[in-house]
Amino acid sequence: MKKFTFLLALLPAMFLSSCISGDEITEEVAPYTFQQEYTVYWDTRNRYYWEEAFDDSGRYYYCSIEEPKLTNYIMNKGIKMAYLSYSPAGVDYWVLAPLPFSDFIVDQYNYKWEEHLTVEWAQGLITFILKIDDHAPIVPFYSDYKFVVQFMW
């Protein structure tokens, strides 16, 4: 019984000695990360632009981006995050809003609508989706949409 008690008393000490503080993380134990910014435009002359599509819910817009860094391993065991990067009205800094994201818009004619942004993941492919609540043809409120994508594995 004394041996069992001694071993039980050693467990917390062994556990605590094996922990690494945040300052001591080395390349060997640090996770691998990837971060990329993509700007999606309304102008089709750009590399990434919104395409129009329809489904049972109505009209929507999407932009599919090939990303070879999004491997099968990251799809199954990694962490994938996407953010909309924007500058709120009246401020001079940028914020990151995680997707899915909804924004309430009032235009110069006092017409109100809501935009919904989301992301879909597939191996090697990132698809950003923009749906407007009235499903009308878009009158661009923003000239471009900046997204930040991060992977960790």
Protein backbone atom coordinates (compact mmCIF):
# COMPACT_ATOMS: atom_id res chain seq x y z
CA MET A 1 0.00 0.00 0.00
CA LYS A 2 2.91 2.36 0.75
CA LYS A 3 4.24 1.86 -2.79
CA PHE A 4 0.85 2.73 -4.29
CA THR A 5 0.55 5.88 -2.14
CA PHE A 6 4.09 6.91 -3.10
CA LEU A 7 3.34 6.45 -6.82
CA LEU A 8 0.08 8.35 -6.46
CA ALA A 9 1.94 11.22 -4.79
CA LEU A 10 4.48 11.28 -7.64
CA LEU A 11 1.89 11.61 -10.42
CA PRO A 12 1.15 15.35 -9.93
CA ALA A 13 4.85 16.12 -9.74
CA MET A 14 5.53 14.18 -12.95
CA PHE A 15 2.62 15.87 -14.70
CA LEU A 16 3.63 19.38 -13.62
CA SER A 17 7.25 18.84 -14.60
CA SER A 18 6.20 17.78 -18.10
CA CYS A 19 4.14 20.94 -18.72
CA ILE A 20 5.72 23.66 -20.81
CA SER A 21 5.02 27.32 -20.11
CA GLY A 22 4.01 29.58 -23.02
CA ASP A 23 7.48 31.17 -23.08
CA GLU A 24 9.26 27.86 -23.63
CA ILE A 25 7.45 26.61 -26.74
CA THR A 26 9.94 25.53 -29.36
CA GLU A 27 9.61 24.74 -33.04
CA GLU A 28 9.33 21.02 -32.23
CA VAL A 29 6.17 21.40 -30.13
CA ALA A 30 4.66 24.50 -31.72
CA PRO A 31 1.71 23.85 -34.02
CA TYR A 32 2.04 24.61 -37.70
CA THR A 33 0.01 27.56 -38.90
CA PHE A 34 -1.00 29.16 -42.18
CA GLN A 35 -2.59 32.58 -42.69
CA GLN A 36 -3.61 34.22 -45.95
CA GLU A 37 -5.67 37.26 -46.90
CA TYR A 38 -7.94 37.18 -49.96
CA THR A 39 -9.77 40.17 -51.41
CA VAL A 40 -12.92 39.40 -53.40
CA TYR A 41 -14.04 42.09 -55.86
CA TRP A 42 -17.18 42.82 -57.85
CA ASP A 43 -15.01 43.52 -60.90
CA THR A 44 -14.41 40.31 -62.90
CA ARG A 45 -11.04 41.60 -64.13
CA ASN A 46 -9.57 40.71 -60.72
CA ARG A 47 -8.24 37.31 -59.69
CA TYR A 48 -10.99 36.72 -57.11
CA TYR A 49 -14.47 38.00 -57.89
CA TRP A 50 -18.08 37.30 -56.94
CA GLU A 51 -20.07 34.99 -59.21
CA GLU A 52 -23.86 34.92 -59.23
CA ALA A 53 -25.77 31.70 -58.56
CA PHE A 54 -29.27 30.52 -57.61
CA ASP A 55 -30.60 27.83 -55.29
CA ASP A 56 -33.95 27.07 -53.63
CA SER A 57 -33.54 30.09 -51.35
CA GLY A 58 -32.91 32.47 -54.27
CA ARG A 59 -30.00 34.48 -55.62
CA TYR A 60 -26.59 34.46 -53.92
CA TYR A 61 -22.95 35.20 -54.75
CA TYR A 62 -19.88 33.07 -54.23
CA CYS A 63 -16.14 33.06 -54.82
CA SER A 64 -14.22 29.77 -54.87
CA ILE A 65 -10.48 29.98 -54.25
CA GLU A 66 -8.06 27.13 -54.84
CA GLU A 67 -5.79 26.73 -51.83
CA PRO A 68 -3.39 23.77 -52.03
CA LYS A 69 -2.38 24.31 -48.39
CA LEU A 70 -5.85 23.08 -47.35
CA THR A 71 -4.90 19.41 -47.28
CA ASN A 72 -6.89 16.34 -46.34
CA TYR A 73 -4.99 16.25 -43.04
CA ILE A 74 -6.06 19.82 -42.15
CA MET A 75 -9.62 19.06 -43.26
CA ASN A 76 -9.83 16.08 -40.88
CA LYS A 77 -7.57 17.00 -37.97
CA GLY A 78 -6.76 20.70 -38.23
CA ILE A 79 -8.50 23.91 -37.28
CA LYS A 80 -9.85 26.15 -40.04
CA MET A 81 -10.93 29.72 -39.33
CA ALA A 82 -12.15 32.50 -41.63
CA TYR A 83 -12.78 36.15 -40.86
CA LEU A 84 -14.15 39.19 -42.63
CA SER A 85 -11.65 42.04 -42.30
CA TYR A 86 -13.37 45.42 -42.40
CA SER A 87 -13.25 48.95 -41.05
CA PRO A 88 -16.46 49.94 -39.23
CA ALA A 89 -17.96 53.28 -40.25
CA GLY A 90 -16.44 56.22 -38.44
CA VAL A 91 -13.24 54.53 -37.25
CA ASP A 92 -9.73 54.37 -38.69
CA TYR A 93 -8.84 50.77 -37.82
CA TRP A 94 -9.67 47.30 -39.14
CA VAL A 95 -11.38 44.50 -37.24
CA LEU A 96 -11.66 40.76 -37.85
CA ALA A 97 -15.18 39.36 -37.61
CA PRO A 98 -15.43 35.55 -37.63
CA LEU A 99 -17.55 33.91 -40.31
CA PRO A 100 -20.46 33.42 -40.49
CA PHE A 101 -21.09 37.16 -40.31
CA SER A 102 -24.22 39.27 -40.83
CA ASP A 103 -24.23 43.00 -41.50
CA PHE A 104 -27.23 45.31 -41.48
CA ILE A 105 -27.03 47.91 -44.24
CA VAL A 106 -28.92 51.16 -44.83
CA ASP A 107 -28.20 52.82 -48.17
CA GLN A 108 -28.50 56.47 -49.19
CA TYR A 109 -32.22 55.96 -50.03
CA ASN A 110 -32.92 54.60 -46.53
CA TYR A 111 -33.47 51.12 -47.99
CA LYS A 112 -32.52 48.46 -45.41
CA TRP A 113 -31.27 44.93 -45.93
CA GLU A 114 -28.99 42.35 -44.37
CA GLU A 115 -25.97 40.63 -45.88
CA HIS A 116 -24.87 37.18 -44.71
CA LEU A 117 -21.32 35.97 -45.30
CA THR A 118 -20.15 32.44 -44.71
CA VAL A 119 -17.43 30.02 -45.82
CA GLU A 120 -17.38 26.42 -47.00
CA TRP A 121 -14.31 24.20 -46.93
CA ALA A 122 -13.25 21.35 -49.22
CA GLN A 123 -9.84 19.82 -49.73
CA GLY A 124 -7.86 22.40 -51.71
CA LEU A 125 -10.83 24.77 -52.01
CA ILE A 126 -12.26 27.67 -49.99
CA THR A 127 -15.64 29.09 -51.01
CA PHE A 128 -16.93 32.38 -49.62
CA ILE A 129 -20.69 32.87 -49.92
CA LEU A 130 -22.63 36.14 -49.79
CA LYS A 131 -26.42 36.09 -49.43
CA ILE A 132 -28.56 39.21 -49.30
CA ASP A 133 -31.84 38.85 -47.44
CA ASP A 134 -34.00 40.23 -50.27
CA HIS A 135 -32.16 38.14 -52.94
CA ALA A 136 -32.32 41.09 -55.33
CA PRO A 137 -29.51 41.75 -57.79
CA ILE A 138 -26.69 43.30 -55.85
CA VAL A 139 -25.95 46.96 -55.76
CA PRO A 140 -22.50 46.74 -54.16
CA PHE A 141 -22.38 48.42 -50.77
CA TYR A 142 -18.73 47.53 -50.32
CA SER A 143 -16.35 47.77 -53.25
CA ASP A 144 -14.48 44.69 -52.08
CA TYR A 145 -14.51 42.12 -49.30
CA LYS A 146 -11.33 41.17 -47.46
CA PHE A 147 -11.17 37.75 -45.85
CA VAL A 148 -8.47 36.33 -43.62
CA VAL A 149 -8.12 32.55 -43.50
CA GLN A 150 -6.12 30.67 -40.88
CA PHE A 151 -5.26 26.99 -40.53
CA MET A 152 -3.61 25.31 -37.58
CA TRP A 153 -2.51 21.69 -37.43
